[in-house]
């Protein structure tokens, strides 16, 4: 049941992050979900490093969305530098 909630919340966080940072990213359902889950993991890591969260504590909604936005920006930076074949 925990994994199902992680997937659902990851999808919601991914959708919010893509709404906050719109663009022509062609992400589907799975990539949006992975973006949200990765954003939550990054948000937890950064929050613990900055002292916002205790070790082992999960990130909140805002930090999860911020983490997903950071991942979107990183992905866009790498995509722009890729050579065109």
PDB file of N, CA and C in Angstrom:
ATOM      1  N   UNK A   1       0.823  -1.195   0.000  1.00  0.00           N
ATOM      2  CA  UNK A   1       0.000   0.000   0.000  1.00  0.00           C
ATOM      3  C   UNK A   1       0.861   1.251   0.000  1.00  0.00           C
ATOM      4  N   UNK A   2       2.023   1.187   0.708  1.00  0.00           N
ATOM      5  CA  UNK A   2       2.919   2.330   0.778  1.00  0.00           C
ATOM      6  C   UNK A   2       3.446   2.692  -0.606  1.00  0.00           C
ATOM      7  N   UNK A   3       3.765   1.695  -1.421  1.00  0.00           N
ATOM      8  CA  UNK A   3       4.287   1.939  -2.762  1.00  0.00           C
ATOM      9  C   UNK A   3       3.222   2.599  -3.631  1.00  0.00           C
ATOM     10  N   UNK A   4       1.980   2.189  -3.495  1.00  0.00           N
ATOM     11  CA  UNK A   4       0.897   2.795  -4.266  1.00  0.00           C
ATOM     12  C   UNK A   4       0.744   4.274  -3.927  1.00  0.00           C
ATOM     13  N   UNK A   5       0.800   4.619  -2.649  1.00  0.00           N
ATOM     14  CA  UNK A   5       0.712   6.027  -2.249  1.00  0.00           C
ATOM     15  C   UNK A   5       1.912   6.813  -2.748  1.00  0.00           C
ATOM     16  N   UNK A   6       3.093   6.197  -2.752  1.00  0.00           N
ATOM     17  CA  UNK A   6       4.287   6.859  -3.266  1.00  0.00           C
ATOM     18  C   UNK A   6       4.116   7.185  -4.743  1.00  0.00           C
ATOM     19  N   UNK A   7       3.563   6.261  -5.501  1.00  0.00           N
ATOM     20  CA  UNK A   7       3.344   6.481  -6.927  1.00  0.00           C
ATOM     21  C   UNK A   7       2.315   7.580  -7.157  1.00  0.00           C
ATOM     22  N   UNK A   8       1.218   7.551  -6.429  1.00  0.00           N
ATOM     23  CA  UNK A   8       0.164   8.553  -6.597  1.00  0.00           C
ATOM     24  C   UNK A   8       0.676   9.942  -6.222  1.00  0.00           C
ATOM     25  N   UNK A   9       1.346  10.055  -5.084  1.00  0.00           N
ATOM     26  CA  UNK A   9       1.858  11.352  -4.653  1.00  0.00           C
ATOM     27  C   UNK A   9       2.975  11.812  -5.580  1.00  0.00           C
ATOM     28  N   UNK A  10       3.805  10.890  -6.057  1.00  0.00           N
ATOM     29  CA  UNK A  10       4.846  11.242  -7.023  1.00  0.00           C
ATOM     30  C   UNK A  10       4.260  11.807  -8.296  1.00  0.00           C
ATOM     31  N   UNK A  11       3.169  11.225  -8.769  1.00  0.00           N
ATOM     32  CA  UNK A  11       2.515  11.741  -9.970  1.00  0.00           C
ATOM     33  C   UNK A  11       1.979  13.149  -9.732  1.00  0.00           C
ATOM     34  N   UNK A  12       1.344  13.371  -8.592  1.00  0.00           N
ATOM     35  CA  UNK A  12       0.787  14.693  -8.289  1.00  0.00           C
ATOM     36  C   UNK A  12       1.904  15.731  -8.186  1.00  0.00           C
ATOM     37  N   UNK A  13       2.994  15.379  -7.519  1.00  0.00           N
ATOM     38  CA  UNK A  13       4.128  16.302  -7.397  1.00  0.00           C
ATOM     39  C   UNK A  13       4.726  16.583  -8.771  1.00  0.00           C
ATOM     40  N   UNK A  14       4.852  15.569  -9.616  1.00  0.00           N
ATOM     41  CA  UNK A  14       5.369  15.762 -10.972  1.00  0.00           C
ATOM     42  C   UNK A  14       4.492  16.673 -11.802  1.00  0.00           C
ATOM     43  N   UNK A  15       3.187  16.511 -11.689  1.00  0.00           N
ATOM     44  CA  UNK A  15       2.260  17.377 -12.433  1.00  0.00           C
ATOM     45  C   UNK A  15       2.368  18.821 -11.948  1.00  0.00           C
ATOM     46  N   UNK A  16       2.454  19.012 -10.637  1.00  0.00           N
ATOM     47  CA  UNK A  16       2.580  20.366 -10.092  1.00  0.00           C
ATOM     48  C   UNK A  16       3.892  21.001 -10.557  1.00  0.00           C
ATOM     49  N   UNK A  17       4.978  20.238 -10.551  1.00  0.00           N
ATOM     50  CA  UNK A  17       6.273  20.772 -10.986  1.00  0.00           C
ATOM     51  C   UNK A  17       6.233  21.154 -12.460  1.00  0.00           C
ATOM     52  N   UNK A  18       5.588  20.350 -13.283  1.00  0.00           N
ATOM     53  CA  UNK A  18       5.482  20.685 -14.703  1.00  0.00           C
ATOM     54  C   UNK A  18       4.559  21.867 -14.926  1.00  0.00           C
ATOM     55  N   UNK A  19       3.599  22.088 -14.027  1.00  0.00           N
ATOM     56  CA  UNK A  19       2.737  23.263 -14.110  1.00  0.00           C
ATOM     57  C   UNK A  19       3.509  24.516 -13.702  1.00  0.00           C
ATOM     58  N   UNK A  20       4.360  24.386 -12.682  1.00  0.00           N
ATOM     59  CA  UNK A  20       5.163  25.515 -12.215  1.00  0.00           C
ATOM     60  C   UNK A  20       6.200  25.902 -13.264  1.00  0.00           C
ATOM     61  N   UNK A  21       6.785  24.930 -13.940  1.00  0.00           N
ATOM     62  CA  UNK A  21       7.828  25.161 -14.935  1.00  0.00           C
ATOM     63  C   UNK A  21       7.382  24.579 -16.276  1.00  0.00           C
ATOM     64  N   UNK A  22       6.478  25.278 -16.961  1.00  0.00           N
ATOM     65  CA  UNK A  22       5.960  24.729 -18.218  1.00  0.00           C
ATOM     66  C   UNK A  22       7.026  24.744 -19.311  1.00  0.00           C
ATOM     67  N   UNK A  23       6.833  23.913 -20.277  1.00  0.00           N
ATOM     68  CA  UNK A  23       7.765  23.832 -21.393  1.00  0.00           C
ATOM     69  C   UNK A  23       7.296  22.779 -22.374  1.00  0.00           C
ATOM     70  N   UNK A  24       8.142  22.482 -23.317  1.00  0.00           N
ATOM     71  CA  UNK A  24       7.795  21.512 -24.350  1.00  0.00           C
ATOM     72  C   UNK A  24       8.334  20.127 -24.022  1.00  0.00           C
ATOM     73  N   UNK A  25       8.499  19.839 -22.759  1.00  0.00           N
ATOM     74  CA  UNK A  25       8.960  18.520 -22.343  1.00  0.00           C
ATOM     75  C   UNK A  25       7.877  17.493 -22.644  1.00  0.00           C
ATOM     76  N   UNK A  26       8.252  16.468 -23.373  1.00  0.00           N
ATOM     77  CA  UNK A  26       7.294  15.431 -23.757  1.00  0.00           C
ATOM     78  C   UNK A  26       7.355  14.282 -22.749  1.00  0.00           C
ATOM     79  N   UNK A  27       6.896  14.540 -21.534  1.00  0.00           N
ATOM     80  CA  UNK A  27       6.868  13.509 -20.509  1.00  0.00           C
ATOM     81  C   UNK A  27       5.493  12.867 -20.488  1.00  0.00           C
ATOM     82  N   UNK A  28       5.494  11.563 -20.376  1.00  0.00           N
ATOM     83  CA  UNK A  28       4.246  10.841 -20.251  1.00  0.00           C
ATOM     84  C   UNK A  28       3.910  10.603 -18.797  1.00  0.00           C
ATOM     85  N   UNK A  29       3.000   9.709 -18.570  1.00  0.00           N
ATOM     86  CA  UNK A  29       2.533   9.379 -17.225  1.00  0.00           C
ATOM     87  C   UNK A  29       3.668   8.826 -16.357  1.00  0.00           C
ATOM     88  N   UNK A  30       4.440   7.910 -16.906  1.00  0.00           N
ATOM     89  CA  UNK A  30       5.491   7.270 -16.121  1.00  0.00           C
ATOM     90  C   UNK A  30       6.617   8.245 -15.812  1.00  0.00           C
ATOM     91  N   UNK A  31       7.054   9.025 -16.792  1.00  0.00           N
ATOM     92  CA  UNK A  31       8.138   9.975 -16.556  1.00  0.00           C
ATOM     93  C   UNK A  31       7.719  11.081 -15.596  1.00  0.00           C
ATOM     94  N   UNK A  32       6.466  11.510 -15.657  1.00  0.00           N
ATOM     95  CA  UNK A  32       5.973  12.515 -14.715  1.00  0.00           C
ATOM     96  C   UNK A  32       5.968  11.950 -13.301  1.00  0.00           C
ATOM     97  N   UNK A  33       5.571  10.701 -13.158  1.00  0.00           N
ATOM     98  CA  UNK A  33       5.574  10.047 -11.844  1.00  0.00           C
ATOM     99  C   UNK A  33       6.996   9.910 -11.316  1.00  0.00           C
ATOM    100  N   UNK A  34       7.917   9.468 -12.168  1.00  0.00           N
ATOM    101  CA  UNK A  34       9.316   9.338 -11.746  1.00  0.00           C
ATOM    102  C   UNK A  34       9.921  10.688 -11.402  1.00  0.00           C
ATOM    103  N   UNK A  35       9.522  11.725 -12.121  1.00  0.00           N
ATOM    104  CA  UNK A  35       9.975  13.078 -11.807  1.00  0.00           C
ATOM    105  C   UNK A  35       9.524  13.483 -10.410  1.00  0.00           C
ATOM    106  N   UNK A  36       8.281  13.206 -10.074  1.00  0.00           N
ATOM    107  CA  UNK A  36       7.762  13.548  -8.745  1.00  0.00           C
ATOM    108  C   UNK A  36       8.426  12.751  -7.636  1.00  0.00           C
ATOM    109  N   UNK A  37       8.646  11.469  -7.864  1.00  0.00           N
ATOM    110  CA  UNK A  37       9.302  10.632  -6.861  1.00  0.00           C
ATOM    111  C   UNK A  37      10.752  11.080  -6.675  1.00  0.00           C
ATOM    112  N   UNK A  38      11.438  11.338  -7.788  1.00  0.00           N
ATOM    113  CA  UNK A  38      12.817  11.832  -7.701  1.00  0.00           C
ATOM    114  C   UNK A  38      12.898  13.187  -7.030  1.00  0.00           C
ATOM    115  N   UNK A  39      11.910  14.045  -7.290  1.00  0.00           N
ATOM    116  CA  UNK A  39      11.873  15.349  -6.642  1.00  0.00           C
ATOM    117  C   UNK A  39      11.683  15.233  -5.142  1.00  0.00           C
ATOM    118  N   UNK A  40      10.871  14.291  -4.723  1.00  0.00           N
ATOM    119  CA  UNK A  40      10.674  14.069  -3.290  1.00  0.00           C
ATOM    120  C   UNK A  40      11.955  13.556  -2.636  1.00  0.00           C
ATOM    121  N   UNK A  41      12.655  12.662  -3.319  1.00  0.00           N
ATOM    122  CA  UNK A  41      13.925  12.165  -2.784  1.00  0.00           C
ATOM    123  C   UNK A  41      14.961  13.281  -2.705  1.00  0.00           C
ATOM    124  N   UNK A  42      15.051  14.088  -3.763  1.00  0.00           N
ATOM    125  CA  UNK A  42      15.982  15.212  -3.756  1.00  0.00           C
ATOM    126  C   UNK A  42      15.592  16.242  -2.700  1.00  0.00           C
ATOM    127  N   UNK A  43      14.301  16.509  -2.577  1.00  0.00           N
ATOM    128  CA  UNK A  43      13.827  17.442  -1.555  1.00  0.00           C
ATOM    129  C   UNK A  43      14.136  16.958  -0.150  1.00  0.00           C
ATOM    130  N   UNK A  44      13.993  15.666   0.095  1.00  0.00           N
ATOM    131  CA  UNK A  44      14.338  15.102   1.406  1.00  0.00           C
ATOM    132  C   UNK A  44      15.821  15.242   1.684  1.00  0.00           C
ATOM    133  N   UNK A  45      16.640  14.930   0.679  1.00  0.00           N
ATOM    134  CA  UNK A  45      18.082  15.023   0.849  1.00  0.00           C
ATOM    135  C   UNK A  45      18.514  16.458   1.132  1.00  0.00           C
ATOM    136  N   UNK A  46      18.017  17.401   0.322  1.00  0.00           N
ATOM    137  CA  UNK A  46      18.382  18.805   0.526  1.00  0.00           C
ATOM    138  C   UNK A  46      17.843  19.348   1.850  1.00  0.00           C
ATOM    139  N   UNK A  47      16.625  18.962   2.193  1.00  0.00           N
ATOM    140  CA  UNK A  47      16.036  19.413   3.452  1.00  0.00           C
ATOM    141  C   UNK A  47      16.803  18.917   4.664  1.00  0.00           C
ATOM    142  N   UNK A  48      17.275  17.677   4.599  1.00  0.00           N
ATOM    143  CA  UNK A  48      18.077  17.139   5.692  1.00  0.00           C
ATOM    144  C   UNK A  48      19.443  17.816   5.740  1.00  0.00           C
ATOM    145  N   UNK A  49      20.023  18.113   4.578  1.00  0.00           N
ATOM    146  CA  UNK A  49      21.330  18.773   4.538  1.00  0.00           C
ATOM    147  C   UNK A  49      21.241  20.199   5.077  1.00  0.00           C
ATOM    148  N   UNK A  50      20.122  20.863   4.843  1.00  0.00           N
ATOM    149  CA  UNK A  50      19.937  22.236   5.317  1.00  0.00           C
ATOM    150  C   UNK A  50      19.368  22.308   6.722  1.00  0.00           C
ATOM    151  N   UNK A  51      19.007  21.173   7.291  1.00  0.00           N
ATOM    152  CA  UNK A  51      18.499  21.131   8.656  1.00  0.00           C
ATOM    153  C   UNK A  51      17.000  21.349   8.782  1.00  0.00           C
ATOM    154  N   UNK A  52      16.272  21.309   7.661  1.00  0.00           N
ATOM    155  CA  UNK A  52      14.819  21.472   7.703  1.00  0.00           C
ATOM    156  C   UNK A  52      14.123  20.213   8.212  1.00  0.00           C
ATOM    157  N   UNK A  53      14.700  19.058   7.907  1.00  0.00           N
ATOM    158  CA  UNK A  53      14.112  17.778   8.273  1.00  0.00           C
ATOM    159  C   UNK A  53      15.104  16.968   9.094  1.00  0.00           C
ATOM    160  N   UNK A  54      14.581  16.141   9.980  1.00  0.00           N
ATOM    161  CA  UNK A  54      15.414  15.228  10.763  1.00  0.00           C
ATOM    162  C   UNK A  54      15.824  14.053   9.873  1.00  0.00           C
ATOM    163  N   UNK A  55      16.913  13.377  10.193  1.00  0.00           N
ATOM    164  CA  UNK A  55      17.307  12.210   9.406  1.00  0.00           C
ATOM    165  C   UNK A  55      16.188  11.168   9.355  1.00  0.00           C
ATOM    166  N   UNK A  56      15.887  10.705   8.159  1.00  0.00           N
ATOM    167  CA  UNK A  56      14.835   9.717   7.976  1.00  0.00           C
ATOM    168  C   UNK A  56      13.453  10.315   7.779  1.00  0.00           C
ATOM    169  N   UNK A  57      13.319  11.615   7.906  1.00  0.00           N
ATOM    170  CA  UNK A  57      12.018  12.266   7.740  1.00  0.00           C
ATOM    171  C   UNK A  57      11.794  12.583   6.264  1.00  0.00           C
ATOM    172  N   UNK A  58      10.597  12.347   5.781  1.00  0.00           N
ATOM    173  CA  UNK A  58      10.276  12.602   4.380  1.00  0.00           C
ATOM    174  C   UNK A  58      10.030  14.087   4.150  1.00  0.00           C
ATOM    175  N   UNK A  59      10.229  14.510   2.916  1.00  0.00           N
ATOM    176  CA  UNK A  59      10.020  15.911   2.553  1.00  0.00           C
ATOM    177  C   UNK A  59       8.536  16.226   2.488  1.00  0.00           C
ATOM    178  N   UNK A  60       8.213  17.476   2.676  1.00  0.00           N
ATOM    179  CA  UNK A  60       6.841  17.938   2.534  1.00  0.00           C
ATOM    180  C   UNK A  60       6.530  18.226   1.078  1.00  0.00           C
ATOM    181  N   UNK A  61       5.326  18.686   0.830  1.00  0.00           N
ATOM    182  CA  UNK A  61       4.877  18.952  -0.535  1.00  0.00           C
ATOM    183  C   UNK A  61       5.720  20.017  -1.222  1.00  0.00           C
ATOM    184  N   UNK A  62       5.977  21.108  -0.521  1.00  0.00           N
ATOM    185  CA  UNK A  62       6.688  22.219  -1.151  1.00  0.00           C
ATOM    186  C   UNK A  62       8.114  21.810  -1.503  1.00  0.00           C
ATOM    187  N   UNK A  63       8.792  21.155  -0.597  1.00  0.00           N
ATOM    188  CA  UNK A  63      10.166  20.730  -0.863  1.00  0.00           C
ATOM    189  C   UNK A  63      10.204  19.665  -1.956  1.00  0.00           C
ATOM    190  N   UNK A  64       9.197  18.817  -2.020  1.00  0.00           N
ATOM    191  CA  UNK A  64       9.134  17.809  -3.081  1.00  0.00           C
ATOM    192  C   UNK A  64       8.963  18.466  -4.441  1.00  0.00           C
ATOM    193  N   UNK A  65       8.090  19.464  -4.513  1.00  0.00           N
ATOM    194  CA  UNK A  65       7.888  20.172  -5.778  1.00  0.00           C
ATOM    195  C   UNK A  65       9.150  20.933  -6.165  1.00  0.00           C
ATOM    196  N   UNK A  66       9.810  21.567  -5.197  1.00  0.00           N
ATOM    197  CA  UNK A  66      11.060  22.269  -5.491  1.00  0.00           C
ATOM    198  C   UNK A  66      12.127  21.301  -6.003  1.00  0.00           C
ATOM    199  N   UNK A  67      12.200  20.123  -5.413  1.00  0.00           N
ATOM    200  CA  UNK A  67      13.139  19.112  -5.887  1.00  0.00           C
ATOM    201  C   UNK A  67      12.828  18.673  -7.311  1.00  0.00           C
ATOM    202  N   UNK A  68      11.546  18.519  -7.630  1.00  0.00           N
ATOM    203  CA  UNK A  68      11.153  18.130  -8.986  1.00  0.00           C
ATOM    204  C   UNK A  68      11.455  19.242  -9.981  1.00  0.00           C
ATOM    205  N   UNK A  69      11.275  20.494  -9.579  1.00  0.00           N
ATOM    206  CA  UNK A  69      11.597  21.627 -10.464  1.00  0.00           C
ATOM    207  C   UNK A  69      13.099  21.658 -10.727  1.00  0.00           C
ATOM    208  N   UNK A  70      13.903  21.395  -9.699  1.00  0.00           N
ATOM    209  CA  UNK A  70      15.350  21.344  -9.887  1.00  0.00           C
ATOM    210  C   UNK A  70      15.719  20.235 -10.865  1.00  0.00           C
ATOM    211  N   UNK A  71      15.079  19.081 -10.751  1.00  0.00           N
ATOM    212  CA  UNK A  71      15.345  17.988 -11.686  1.00  0.00           C
ATOM    213  C   UNK A  71      14.940  18.357 -13.110  1.00  0.00           C
ATOM    214  N   UNK A  72      13.831  19.071 -13.260  1.00  0.00           N
ATOM    215  CA  UNK A  72      13.422  19.539 -14.588  1.00  0.00           C
ATOM    216  C   UNK A  72      14.465  20.486 -15.175  1.00  0.00           C
ATOM    217  N   UNK A  73      14.965  21.407 -14.366  1.00  0.00           N
ATOM    218  CA  UNK A  73      15.976  22.350 -14.842  1.00  0.00           C
ATOM    219  C   UNK A  73      17.267  21.640 -15.228  1.00  0.00           C
ATOM    220  N   UNK A  74      17.666  20.654 -14.442  1.00  0.00           N
ATOM    221  CA  UNK A  74      18.867  19.884 -14.766  1.00  0.00           C
ATOM    222  C   UNK A  74      18.666  19.121 -16.071  1.00  0.00           C
ATOM    223  N   UNK A  75      17.503  18.507 -16.222  1.00  0.00           N
ATOM    224  CA  UNK A  75      17.213  17.779 -17.460  1.00  0.00           C
ATOM    225  C   UNK A  75      17.214  18.678 -18.681  1.00  0.00           C
ATOM    226  N   UNK A  76      16.677  19.880 -18.545  1.00  0.00           N
ATOM    227  CA  UNK A  76      16.677  20.826 -19.666  1.00  0.00           C
ATOM    228  C   UNK A  76      18.079  21.310 -19.995  1.00  0.00           C
ATOM    229  N   UNK A  77      18.907  21.503 -18.990  1.00  0.00           N
ATOM    230  CA  UNK A  77      20.277  21.941 -19.228  1.00  0.00           C
ATOM    231  C   UNK A  77      21.061  20.888 -20.014  1.00  0.00           C
ATOM    232  N   UNK A  78      20.887  19.616 -19.673  1.00  0.00           N
ATOM    233  CA  UNK A  78      21.580  18.562 -20.396  1.00  0.00           C
ATOM    234  C   UNK A  78      21.002  18.353 -21.789  1.00  0.00           C
ATOM    235  N   UNK A  79      19.722  18.538 -21.947  1.00  0.00           N
ATOM    236  CA  UNK A  79      19.094  18.333 -23.242  1.00  0.00           C
ATOM    237  C   UNK A  79      19.537  19.394 -24.236  1.00  0.00           C
ATOM    238  N   UNK A  80      19.776  20.600 -23.804  1.00  0.00           N
ATOM    239  CA  UNK A  80      20.193  21.678 -24.699  1.00  0.00           C
ATOM    240  C   UNK A  80      21.621  21.479 -25.188  1.00  0.00           C
ATOM    241  N   UNK A  81      22.456  20.848 -24.381  1.00  0.00           N
ATOM    242  CA  UNK A  81      23.853  20.663 -24.754  1.00  0.00           C
ATOM    243  C   UNK A  81      24.074  19.433 -25.623  1.00  0.00           C
ATOM    244  N   UNK A  82      23.074  18.632 -25.796  1.00  0.00           N
ATOM    245  CA  UNK A  82      23.244  17.412 -26.600  1.00  0.00           C
ATOM    246  C   UNK A  82      23.402  17.783 -28.068  1.00  0.00           C
ATOM    247  N   UNK A  83      24.349  17.156 -28.751  1.00  0.00           N
ATOM    248  CA  UNK A  83      24.553  17.466 -30.172  1.00  0.00           C
ATOM    249  C   UNK A  83      23.388  16.958 -31.019  1.00  0.00           C
ATOM    250  N   UNK A  84      23.095  17.693 -32.048  1.00  0.00           N
ATOM    251  CA  UNK A  84      22.013  17.317 -32.967  1.00  0.00           C
ATOM    252  C   UNK A  84      22.613  16.457 -34.059  1.00  0.00           C
ATOM    253  N   UNK A  85      22.044  15.295 -34.280  1.00  0.00           N
ATOM    254  CA  UNK A  85      22.562  14.372 -35.301  1.00  0.00           C
ATOM    255  C   UNK A  85      21.787  14.482 -36.574  1.00  0.00           C
TER     256      UNK A  85
END
